[in-house]
Amino acid sequence: MNLDLFPCESPTAHSEAIGPCAYVLRGFALPNAEVLVAAIGELERRAPFRHMTTPGGFAMSAALTNCGRLGWTTDRRGYRYTTNDPETGLPWPAMPEMFTRLAHDAATQAGFADFTPDACLINRYESGARMSLHQDKNERDFAAPIVSVSLGMPAIFLFGGHARSDKAARIPLLHGDVVVWGGEDRLRYHGVLPLKDKPHPLLGSRRINFTFRKAG
């Protein structure tokens, strides 16, 4: 798909550019942080966090679960989206309306209008957990942006280029920060350095990351 067909609009104020169509919205999720954290308990009860296995047979250091019509999964058969949780056979929990609204508002703030996610991958990081450089490319098309919400312990977000070997910028992310990237930046490699144990008052020695996507 030619991403030039989906240029980003000019972002509104309070957006920190990290690429032509990529922005950090500092503290954007803070007004909703406690509600977001409270919702995790119910989502986890219905679809527990788990350390999934990559196609190469390695266990991911971050535990994950999903909510929304589609959920991202990985095992020895590959990366994919499913409508049901492979562990329970039940549909993934519905995405809370507040999640959808936050993702839409953040995308709009960054210049991407009319974003409605159908998948929310929830990663739980503890001290030492990391995410290696990767592209989000299991979605059906790349017209919609990625919206990533950080809660809890701080992290160093790696934002690279369109090749894995490209040098990646190191961007500190704090509790309540939201990163949005799309357009020509949509397929840039990104990841998270191993987390240092810097406990947060709300989540202790954990970082929760919500990644909203239009997958179907």
Protein backbone atom coordinates (compact mmCIF):
# COMPACT_ATOMS: atom_id res chain seq x y z
CA MET A 1 0.00 0.00 0.00
CA ASN A 2 1.25 3.48 -0.89
CA LEU A 3 1.27 5.38 2.38
CA ASP A 4 1.61 8.66 0.49
CA LEU A 5 -2.11 8.30 -0.23
CA PHE A 6 -2.74 8.88 3.48
CA PRO A 7 -0.80 12.02 4.43
CA CYS A 8 -1.07 13.27 7.98
CA GLU A 9 -2.84 16.53 8.65
CA SER A 10 -1.20 19.38 10.54
CA PRO A 11 -1.23 18.47 14.25
CA THR A 12 -2.82 20.70 16.82
CA ALA A 13 -0.91 22.35 19.66
CA HIS A 14 0.89 20.46 22.45
CA SER A 15 2.20 17.77 20.07
CA GLU A 16 5.92 16.94 20.21
CA ALA A 17 7.02 15.81 16.72
CA ILE A 18 9.28 12.76 16.51
CA GLY A 19 8.77 12.28 12.77
CA PRO A 20 6.89 13.86 9.85
CA CYS A 21 3.67 12.10 10.95
CA ALA A 22 4.62 10.95 14.46
CA TYR A 23 4.03 12.77 17.74
CA VAL A 24 4.32 12.42 21.50
CA LEU A 25 1.39 13.93 23.40
CA ARG A 26 2.88 14.60 26.81
CA GLY A 27 0.49 13.79 29.67
CA PHE A 28 -2.47 13.40 27.32
CA ALA A 29 -3.87 10.34 29.16
CA LEU A 30 -3.39 11.71 32.69
CA PRO A 31 -7.05 12.76 33.16
CA ASN A 32 -8.11 9.16 32.43
CA ALA A 33 -5.23 7.29 34.06
CA GLU A 34 -7.01 5.99 37.16
CA VAL A 35 -10.05 4.89 35.13
CA LEU A 36 -7.80 3.11 32.63
CA VAL A 37 -6.00 1.25 35.41
CA ALA A 38 -9.28 0.31 37.10
CA ALA A 39 -10.56 -1.19 33.83
CA ILE A 40 -7.55 -3.50 33.56
CA GLY A 41 -8.77 -5.67 36.43
CA GLU A 42 -12.00 -6.63 34.67
CA LEU A 43 -10.26 -7.15 31.34
CA GLU A 44 -7.61 -9.32 32.99
CA ARG A 45 -10.28 -11.40 34.75
CA ARG A 46 -11.85 -12.28 31.39
CA ALA A 47 -8.63 -12.53 29.35
CA PRO A 48 -5.61 -13.04 31.66
CA PHE A 49 -2.21 -11.61 30.88
CA ARG A 50 0.20 -14.18 29.46
CA HIS A 51 3.74 -14.38 28.06
CA MET A 52 3.15 -15.39 24.46
CA THR A 53 5.67 -17.30 22.34
CA THR A 54 7.15 -15.87 19.15
CA PRO A 55 7.33 -17.91 15.93
CA GLY A 56 10.99 -18.48 16.78
CA GLY A 57 10.03 -20.15 20.06
CA PHE A 58 11.01 -17.34 22.44
CA ALA A 59 8.75 -16.24 25.29
CA MET A 60 8.01 -12.51 25.23
CA SER A 61 9.31 -10.70 28.32
CA ALA A 62 6.20 -8.47 28.46
CA ALA A 63 2.92 -10.14 29.40
CA LEU A 64 -0.03 -9.23 27.19
CA THR A 65 -3.76 -9.43 26.68
CA ASN A 66 -6.27 -7.73 24.39
CA CYS A 67 -9.65 -6.12 24.20
CA GLY A 68 -11.75 -5.16 21.20
CA ARG A 69 -13.24 -7.01 18.25
CA LEU A 70 -9.79 -8.32 17.34
CA GLY A 71 -6.81 -9.30 19.47
CA TRP A 72 -3.16 -9.70 18.48
CA THR A 73 -1.57 -13.06 19.24
CA THR A 74 1.64 -14.93 18.51
CA ASP A 75 2.77 -18.54 18.73
CA ARG A 76 4.92 -20.95 16.73
CA ARG A 77 2.46 -20.57 13.82
CA GLY A 78 3.10 -16.85 13.48
CA TYR A 79 1.74 -13.40 14.28
CA ARG A 80 -1.95 -12.72 13.64
CA TYR A 81 -5.20 -11.21 14.85
CA THR A 82 -8.01 -13.39 16.17
CA THR A 83 -11.60 -12.72 17.20
CA ASN A 84 -11.33 -15.19 20.11
CA ASP A 85 -8.79 -15.58 22.90
CA PRO A 86 -6.78 -18.73 22.03
CA GLU A 87 -6.51 -19.66 25.73
CA THR A 88 -10.22 -19.52 26.59
CA GLY A 89 -11.87 -19.87 23.19
CA LEU A 90 -14.09 -16.90 24.11
CA PRO A 91 -14.28 -13.57 22.28
CA TRP A 92 -11.82 -10.98 23.50
CA PRO A 93 -13.44 -8.59 26.00
CA ALA A 94 -15.22 -5.64 24.39
CA MET A 95 -13.21 -2.45 24.26
CA PRO A 96 -14.49 -0.01 26.90
CA GLU A 97 -16.05 3.07 25.34
CA MET A 98 -13.64 5.26 27.27
CA PHE A 99 -10.70 3.47 25.61
CA THR A 100 -12.15 4.12 22.16
CA ARG A 101 -12.76 7.78 22.97
CA LEU A 102 -9.23 8.29 24.30
CA ALA A 103 -7.67 6.70 21.21
CA HIS A 104 -9.86 8.77 18.89
CA ASP A 105 -9.09 12.01 20.74
CA ALA A 106 -5.34 11.35 20.79
CA ALA A 107 -5.30 10.56 17.07
CA THR A 108 -7.26 13.73 16.35
CA GLN A 109 -4.84 15.75 18.49
CA ALA A 110 -1.97 14.40 16.38
CA GLY A 111 -3.69 15.26 13.11
CA PHE A 112 -5.37 11.94 12.24
CA ALA A 113 -9.12 12.44 12.04
CA ASP A 114 -11.81 9.75 12.35
CA PHE A 115 -9.69 7.03 13.97
CA THR A 116 -11.82 4.26 15.46
CA PRO A 117 -9.76 1.31 16.75
CA ASP A 118 -11.04 -2.26 16.67
CA ALA A 119 -8.09 -3.75 18.59
CA CYS A 120 -6.29 -2.80 21.78
CA LEU A 121 -3.17 -4.76 22.69
CA ILE A 122 -2.32 -4.34 26.38
CA ASN A 123 1.29 -5.02 27.38
CA ARG A 124 2.39 -5.33 31.00
CA TYR A 125 6.07 -4.66 31.61
CA GLU A 126 7.96 -5.36 34.81
CA SER A 127 11.58 -4.59 35.65
CA GLY A 128 13.86 -5.89 32.87
CA ALA A 129 11.06 -6.49 30.36
CA ARG A 130 11.60 -5.09 26.88
CA MET A 131 10.21 -5.06 23.36
CA SER A 132 12.62 -5.62 20.48
CA LEU A 133 12.50 -3.46 17.36
CA HIS A 134 9.59 -4.45 15.15
CA GLN A 135 7.01 -3.11 12.70
CA ASP A 136 3.26 -3.20 13.25
CA LYS A 137 2.32 -4.81 9.94
CA ASN A 138 -0.28 -7.50 10.71
CA GLU A 139 -3.13 -5.06 10.08
CA ARG A 140 -5.11 -5.25 6.83
CA ASP A 141 -4.09 -1.78 5.70
CA PHE A 142 -1.95 0.99 7.02
CA ALA A 143 -4.16 4.01 6.51
CA ALA A 144 -4.95 4.33 10.22
CA PRO A 145 -2.35 5.43 12.78
CA ILE A 146 -1.08 3.58 15.84
CA VAL A 147 -1.99 5.12 19.22
CA SER A 148 0.16 4.00 22.17
CA VAL A 149 -0.63 4.98 25.78
CA SER A 150 1.94 4.66 28.59
CA LEU A 151 1.03 4.24 32.26
CA GLY A 152 3.15 3.46 35.32
CA MET A 153 6.95 3.18 35.30
CA PRO A 154 8.89 5.28 32.79
CA ALA A 155 10.27 3.70 29.64
CA ILE A 156 12.65 4.52 26.81
CA PHE A 157 10.77 4.22 23.51
CA LEU A 158 12.89 3.36 20.48
CA PHE A 159 11.66 4.95 17.25
CA GLY A 160 13.69 3.86 14.26
CA GLY A 161 13.45 3.99 10.50
CA HIS A 162 11.98 1.76 7.82
CA ALA A 163 14.85 -0.73 8.07
CA ARG A 164 15.73 -2.60 11.24
CA SER A 165 19.33 -1.42 10.90
CA ASP A 166 18.37 2.28 10.90
CA LYS A 167 19.43 4.21 13.98
CA ALA A 168 16.58 4.54 16.49
CA ALA A 169 15.84 7.67 18.50
CA ARG A 170 15.54 7.13 22.27
CA ILE A 171 12.43 8.89 23.57
CA PRO A 172 11.61 8.94 27.31
CA LEU A 173 7.97 8.15 28.02
CA LEU A 174 6.33 8.94 31.34
CA HIS A 175 3.03 8.05 32.98
CA GLY A 176 0.21 9.50 30.85
CA ASP A 177 2.21 10.09 27.66
CA VAL A 178 0.66 9.03 24.35
CA VAL A 179 2.56 8.34 21.12
CA VAL A 180 0.76 8.53 17.76
CA TRP A 181 2.35 7.60 14.45
CA GLY A 182 0.92 7.08 10.97
CA GLY A 183 1.18 8.24 7.37
CA GLU A 184 4.75 7.95 6.10
CA ASP A 185 5.87 6.95 9.61
CA ARG A 186 3.34 4.12 9.97
CA LEU A 187 5.79 1.27 9.28
CA ARG A 188 8.80 2.58 11.18
CA TYR A 189 10.55 0.12 13.48
CA HIS A 190 9.97 0.74 17.17
CA GLY A 191 10.54 -0.95 20.51
CA VAL A 192 11.18 -0.45 24.24
CA LEU A 193 14.50 -0.72 26.09
CA PRO A 194 14.61 -2.99 29.19
CA LEU A 195 12.70 -1.28 31.96
CA LYS A 196 14.53 -0.05 35.03
CA ASP A 197 12.82 -0.55 38.37
CA LYS A 198 11.49 2.94 39.14
CA PRO A 199 8.17 2.27 40.92
CA HIS A 200 5.20 4.49 40.17
CA PRO A 201 2.65 5.50 42.86
CA LEU A 202 -0.28 4.07 40.88
CA LEU A 203 1.19 0.89 39.40
CA GLY A 204 4.27 0.15 41.48
CA SER A 205 7.01 -1.70 39.56
CA ARG A 206 4.92 -2.07 36.43
CA ARG A 207 4.34 -0.27 33.17
CA ILE A 208 1.09 -0.77 31.26
CA ASN A 209 1.00 0.06 27.56
CA PHE A 210 -2.24 0.25 25.57
CA THR A 211 -1.68 0.07 21.81
CA PHE A 212 -4.75 0.93 19.75
CA ARG A 213 -4.98 -0.20 16.15
CA LYS A 214 -7.39 -0.52 13.24
CA ALA A 215 -6.66 -4.15 12.42
CA GLY A 216 -9.63 -5.43 10.44
